[in-house]
N, C-alpha and C. Protein backbone atom coordinates (compact mmCIF):
# COMPACT_ATOMS: atom_id res chain seq x y z
N MET A 1 -3.71 17.35 26.67
CA MET A 1 -4.83 17.58 26.23
C MET A 1 -4.16 16.66 25.14
N ASN A 2 -5.01 15.71 24.61
CA ASN A 2 -4.91 15.05 23.77
C ASN A 2 -5.20 15.50 21.95
N THR A 3 -3.72 15.08 21.17
CA THR A 3 -3.74 16.04 19.98
C THR A 3 -3.97 14.48 18.98
N PRO A 4 -4.78 14.94 17.78
CA PRO A 4 -4.68 13.98 16.91
C PRO A 4 -3.63 13.24 16.26
N PRO A 5 -3.56 11.95 15.26
CA PRO A 5 -2.25 12.12 15.15
C PRO A 5 -2.21 13.05 13.12
N LEU A 6 -1.04 13.30 13.00
CA LEU A 6 -0.87 14.00 11.99
C LEU A 6 -0.74 12.92 10.91
N SER A 7 -0.58 11.64 10.98
CA SER A 7 0.03 10.57 9.95
C SER A 7 -0.95 9.38 10.60
N GLN A 8 -0.74 8.31 9.48
CA GLN A 8 -1.32 7.33 9.61
C GLN A 8 -0.31 6.19 8.88
N SER A 9 0.05 4.80 9.28
CA SER A 9 1.10 4.27 9.20
C SER A 9 0.21 2.81 9.34
N PHE A 10 0.52 1.64 8.08
CA PHE A 10 -0.21 0.46 8.06
C PHE A 10 0.54 -0.40 7.54
N SER A 11 0.87 -1.61 8.26
CA SER A 11 2.05 -2.99 7.51
C SER A 11 1.48 -3.83 7.32
N LEU A 12 1.22 -4.17 6.24
CA LEU A 12 -0.32 -5.24 5.67
C LEU A 12 0.45 -6.38 5.04
N PRO A 13 0.19 -7.81 5.47
CA PRO A 13 0.63 -9.07 4.74
C PRO A 13 0.35 -8.58 3.24
N ILE A 14 1.09 -9.19 2.21
CA ILE A 14 1.12 -9.39 1.32
C ILE A 14 1.16 -10.86 0.63
N ALA A 15 0.38 -11.46 -0.09
CA ALA A 15 0.74 -12.70 -0.51
C ALA A 15 0.76 -12.90 -1.91
N GLY A 16 1.41 -13.54 -2.73
CA GLY A 16 1.38 -13.92 -4.25
C GLY A 16 1.83 -13.30 -5.03
N MET A 17 3.01 -11.89 -4.49
CA MET A 17 3.89 -11.78 -5.51
C MET A 17 5.17 -12.25 -5.87
N THR A 18 5.09 -13.14 -7.03
CA THR A 18 6.07 -13.77 -7.54
C THR A 18 7.67 -13.10 -7.91
N CYS A 19 7.58 -11.63 -8.24
CA CYS A 19 8.99 -11.06 -8.46
C CYS A 19 8.99 -9.48 -8.46
N ALA A 20 9.97 -8.89 -8.81
CA ALA A 20 10.04 -7.53 -8.34
C ALA A 20 9.29 -6.47 -9.52
N ALA A 21 8.84 -7.30 -10.44
CA ALA A 21 7.89 -6.51 -10.93
C ALA A 21 6.23 -6.03 -10.43
N CYS A 22 5.72 -7.49 -9.94
CA CYS A 22 4.93 -7.38 -8.96
C CYS A 22 5.09 -6.40 -7.43
N SER A 23 6.42 -6.35 -7.20
CA SER A 23 5.86 -5.77 -5.84
C SER A 23 6.34 -3.86 -6.09
N THR A 24 6.68 -4.20 -7.79
CA THR A 24 6.70 -2.41 -7.73
C THR A 24 5.42 -1.80 -8.92
N ARG A 25 4.63 -2.75 -8.70
CA ARG A 25 3.56 -2.37 -9.60
C ARG A 25 2.50 -2.43 -8.33
N LEU A 26 2.38 -2.85 -7.22
CA LEU A 26 1.64 -3.08 -5.85
C LEU A 26 2.03 -1.50 -5.64
N GLU A 27 3.47 -1.43 -5.13
CA GLU A 27 3.71 0.08 -4.67
C GLU A 27 3.27 1.09 -5.30
N LYS A 28 3.33 1.20 -6.69
CA LYS A 28 2.74 2.33 -7.20
C LYS A 28 1.27 2.31 -7.28
N MET A 29 0.62 1.58 -7.31
CA MET A 29 -0.69 1.25 -7.20
C MET A 29 -1.05 1.75 -5.35
N LEU A 30 -0.58 1.34 -4.81
CA LEU A 30 -1.17 1.83 -3.27
C LEU A 30 -0.32 3.79 -2.82
N ARG A 31 0.76 3.75 -4.42
CA ARG A 31 0.65 5.27 -3.97
C ARG A 31 0.12 6.44 -4.59
N ALA A 32 -0.60 5.68 -5.30
CA ALA A 32 -1.68 6.58 -6.21
C ALA A 32 -2.78 6.61 -5.68
N THR A 33 -3.08 5.87 -4.29
CA THR A 33 -4.28 5.84 -3.68
C THR A 33 -4.33 7.33 -2.74
N PRO A 34 -5.84 7.48 -3.23
CA PRO A 34 -5.74 9.32 -2.66
C PRO A 34 -5.39 9.25 -0.78
N GLY A 35 -4.91 9.97 -0.38
CA GLY A 35 -4.33 10.28 1.29
C GLY A 35 -2.93 9.44 1.32
N VAL A 36 -2.51 8.35 0.70
CA VAL A 36 -1.15 7.67 0.73
C VAL A 36 -0.35 8.94 0.77
N LYS A 37 0.78 8.86 1.28
CA LYS A 37 1.95 9.75 1.26
C LYS A 37 3.10 9.24 0.63
N ASP A 38 3.26 7.90 0.99
CA ASP A 38 4.58 7.02 0.17
C ASP A 38 3.85 5.59 0.97
N ALA A 39 4.77 4.62 0.18
CA ALA A 39 4.26 3.20 0.06
C ALA A 39 5.78 2.48 -0.50
N SER A 40 5.97 1.44 0.56
CA SER A 40 7.28 0.42 -0.18
C SER A 40 6.76 -0.74 0.02
N VAL A 41 6.77 -1.81 -0.97
CA VAL A 41 6.60 -3.47 -0.81
C VAL A 41 8.18 -4.05 -0.54
N ASN A 42 7.99 -5.01 0.15
CA ASN A 42 9.26 -6.18 0.25
C ASN A 42 8.68 -7.23 -0.25
N LEU A 43 9.10 -7.44 -1.22
CA LEU A 43 9.13 -8.76 -1.82
C LEU A 43 9.39 -9.83 -0.73
N ALA A 44 10.55 -10.12 -0.24
CA ALA A 44 11.53 -11.03 0.48
C ALA A 44 10.57 -11.46 1.52
N SER A 45 9.88 -10.32 2.20
CA SER A 45 9.28 -10.01 3.41
C SER A 45 7.64 -10.30 3.53
N GLU A 46 7.37 -10.26 2.00
CA GLU A 46 6.12 -10.18 1.63
C GLU A 46 5.40 -9.33 2.48
N ARG A 47 5.53 -7.94 3.01
CA ARG A 47 4.56 -7.10 3.19
C ARG A 47 4.97 -5.85 2.86
N ALA A 48 3.87 -4.71 2.88
CA ALA A 48 3.64 -3.46 2.34
C ALA A 48 3.83 -2.47 3.59
N SER A 49 4.40 -1.15 3.47
CA SER A 49 4.24 -0.24 4.53
C SER A 49 3.16 0.72 3.61
N VAL A 50 2.80 1.41 4.41
CA VAL A 50 1.91 2.72 3.71
C VAL A 50 2.05 3.73 5.04
N GLN A 51 2.23 4.89 4.68
CA GLN A 51 1.90 6.07 5.12
C GLN A 51 0.94 6.82 4.58
N GLY A 52 0.61 7.30 5.33
CA GLY A 52 -0.84 8.70 4.98
C GLY A 52 -1.12 9.67 5.74
N GLU A 53 -2.24 10.25 5.37
CA GLU A 53 -2.55 11.40 6.10
C GLU A 53 -3.28 10.82 7.08
N ALA A 54 -3.21 11.40 8.37
CA ALA A 54 -4.24 10.82 9.46
C ALA A 54 -5.94 10.57 9.02
N ALA A 55 -6.45 11.16 8.05
CA ALA A 55 -7.81 10.91 7.76
C ALA A 55 -7.90 9.11 6.79
N LEU A 56 -6.67 8.90 6.61
CA LEU A 56 -6.54 7.68 5.37
C LEU A 56 -6.86 6.49 6.66
N THR A 57 -7.68 5.55 5.82
CA THR A 57 -8.34 4.35 6.59
C THR A 57 -8.15 3.34 5.83
N LEU A 58 -7.86 2.15 6.21
CA LEU A 58 -7.26 0.93 5.72
C LEU A 58 -8.45 0.23 4.88
N ASP A 59 -9.50 0.60 5.07
CA ASP A 59 -10.25 0.64 3.87
C ASP A 59 -10.03 1.50 2.67
N ALA A 60 -9.54 2.52 2.58
CA ALA A 60 -9.01 2.98 1.45
C ALA A 60 -8.07 2.52 0.59
N VAL A 61 -7.33 2.09 1.92
CA VAL A 61 -5.64 1.30 1.22
C VAL A 61 -5.98 -0.19 0.90
N LEU A 62 -6.86 -0.45 1.17
CA LEU A 62 -7.37 -1.77 1.06
C LEU A 62 -8.36 -2.17 0.05
N LYS A 63 -9.06 -0.72 -0.97
CA LYS A 63 -10.12 -0.94 -1.90
C LYS A 63 -9.28 -1.38 -3.00
N PRO A 64 -10.44 -2.36 -3.96
CA PRO A 64 -9.49 -2.87 -5.46
C PRO A 64 -9.56 -1.55 -6.27
N SER A 65 -8.62 -1.78 -6.97
CA SER A 65 -8.07 -1.07 -7.78
C SER A 65 -9.18 -1.21 -9.09
N SER A 66 -9.33 -0.39 -9.75
CA SER A 66 -9.83 -0.36 -10.94
C SER A 66 -9.22 -0.95 -12.00
N ALA A 67 -7.32 -0.82 -11.69
CA ALA A 67 -6.94 -1.16 -13.02
C ALA A 67 -6.78 -2.72 -13.25
N PRO A 68 -6.48 -3.74 -14.23
CA PRO A 68 -7.06 -4.45 -14.50
C PRO A 68 -5.73 -5.62 -14.06
N ALA A 69 -5.73 -6.33 -13.38
CA ALA A 69 -5.01 -7.55 -12.76
C ALA A 69 -3.84 -8.13 -13.92
N SER A 70 -2.61 -8.20 -13.87
CA SER A 70 -1.77 -8.49 -14.67
C SER A 70 -1.14 -9.65 -14.46
N THR A 71 -1.05 -10.78 -14.67
CA THR A 71 0.15 -11.42 -14.23
C THR A 71 1.79 -11.46 -14.77
N CYS A 72 2.65 -11.48 -13.81
CA CYS A 72 4.47 -11.76 -14.41
C CYS A 72 4.65 -12.50 -15.20
N PRO A 73 5.55 -12.60 -15.96
CA PRO A 73 5.73 -13.50 -16.98
C PRO A 73 6.64 -15.02 -16.72
């Protein structure tokens, strides 16, 4: 019998991060996305790992934030 997955995972390339503050900010934004259970961003490898509920879609993770963009010092 095929059972649906209990969770969903994505690994995403991230470009444009210049400092630890950038990766921390992105991590917080990803974790605030509905359906996301955990997220981690690696500045050195320029990748984000996102784990979420089974119904989580890549479109929901990539949806633009309503938060204003900021620049690092």
